[in-house]
Protein backbone atom coordinates (compact mmCIF):
# COMPACT_ATOMS: atom_id res chain seq x y z
CA MET A 1 5.67 33.22 -11.87
CA HIS A 2 3.73 34.69 -14.78
CA THR A 3 5.04 38.14 -13.92
CA ILE A 4 8.64 36.97 -14.29
CA TYR A 5 7.85 35.48 -17.72
CA LEU A 6 6.21 38.72 -18.82
CA ILE A 7 9.16 40.83 -17.64
CA ILE A 8 11.64 38.58 -19.45
CA MET A 9 9.49 38.68 -22.59
CA ALA A 10 9.35 42.49 -22.44
CA VAL A 11 13.14 42.69 -22.14
CA LEU A 12 13.56 40.32 -25.08
CA LEU A 13 11.15 42.39 -27.18
CA PHE A 14 13.19 45.49 -26.35
CA ILE A 15 16.37 43.68 -27.45
CA ILE A 16 14.64 42.66 -30.69
CA PHE A 17 13.66 46.30 -31.24
CA LEU A 18 17.28 47.39 -30.74
CA MET A 19 18.48 44.72 -33.18
CA VAL A 20 16.00 45.91 -35.81
CA ILE A 21 17.51 49.38 -35.47
CA LYS A 22 20.99 47.82 -35.75
CA MET A 23 19.91 45.99 -38.90
CA ILE A 24 18.60 49.18 -40.48
CA LYS A 25 21.57 51.38 -39.51
CA GLY A 26 24.30 48.72 -39.54
CA PRO A 27 27.41 49.96 -41.30
CA SER A 28 28.08 46.63 -42.99
CA ILE A 29 26.20 43.58 -44.15
CA TYR A 30 27.87 41.52 -41.42
CA ASP A 31 26.34 43.72 -38.72
CA ARG A 32 22.96 43.18 -40.34
CA MET A 33 23.49 39.41 -40.43
CA ASN A 34 24.51 39.45 -36.78
CA GLY A 35 21.38 41.41 -35.90
CA LEU A 36 19.23 38.92 -37.79
CA SER A 37 20.86 36.04 -35.94
CA VAL A 38 20.24 37.67 -32.56
CA ILE A 39 16.62 38.35 -33.50
CA GLY A 40 16.18 34.70 -34.45
CA ALA A 41 17.62 33.48 -31.16
CA ASN A 42 15.43 35.87 -29.18
CA VAL A 43 12.31 34.79 -31.05
CA VAL A 44 13.10 31.16 -30.19
CA ILE A 45 13.38 32.11 -26.50
CA LEU A 46 10.16 34.13 -26.72
CA LEU A 47 8.31 31.16 -28.21
CA VAL A 48 9.45 28.85 -25.43
CA LEU A 49 8.56 31.40 -22.73
CA TYR A 50 5.14 31.94 -24.29
CA GLY A 51 4.61 28.19 -24.30
CA PHE A 52 5.27 28.04 -20.56
CA LEU A 53 3.07 31.08 -20.02
CA ASP A 54 0.24 29.51 -22.05
CA GLY A 55 0.58 26.14 -20.32
CA ARG A 56 1.39 24.19 -23.49
CA PRO A 57 5.21 24.20 -23.69
CA GLU A 58 5.42 21.00 -25.76
CA MET A 59 3.70 22.63 -28.75
CA PHE A 60 5.71 25.84 -28.63
CA ILE A 61 9.02 24.06 -28.09
CA ASP A 62 8.46 22.17 -31.35
CA ILE A 63 7.71 25.43 -33.15
CA ALA A 64 10.78 27.07 -31.57
CA ILE A 65 13.05 24.21 -32.68
CA ALA A 66 11.74 24.45 -36.25
CA TYR A 67 12.18 28.24 -36.25
CA GLY A 68 15.70 27.93 -34.84
CA ILE A 69 16.73 25.41 -37.50
CA LEU A 70 15.23 27.60 -40.23
CA GLY A 71 17.09 30.66 -38.91
CA PHE A 72 20.38 28.77 -38.73
CA VAL A 73 20.05 27.43 -42.27
CA THR A 74 19.15 30.91 -43.51
CA ASN A 75 22.28 32.37 -41.90
CA ILE A 76 24.45 29.67 -43.48
CA ILE A 77 22.94 30.28 -46.94
CA VAL A 78 23.39 34.05 -46.70
CA ALA A 79 26.97 33.66 -45.42
CA LYS A 80 27.85 31.31 -48.28
CA TYR A 81 26.29 33.72 -50.78
CA LEU A 82 28.21 36.68 -49.36
CA GLY A 83 31.43 34.69 -49.03
CA GLY A 84 31.29 33.64 -52.68
CA LYS A 85 31.00 37.24 -53.90
CA LYS A 86 34.37 38.90 -54.44
């Protein structure tokens, strides 16, 4: 079972790497925001998977929830800031 978790985590890390490239090369700010959102979601999933791999999912689920809320609020703040600029 640990091998499956490690494979999934490796795939998620590869997706995060691709999103970092997308954020750097993105043609518009909206592509960069989308990349940041995908990275945040993947980090939340990585935290939960690591919690199951470590044997302490209750601690890592709490951290993942806090990180997810922080990422969501950050996206809302950036979107409001960019939406207000004309």
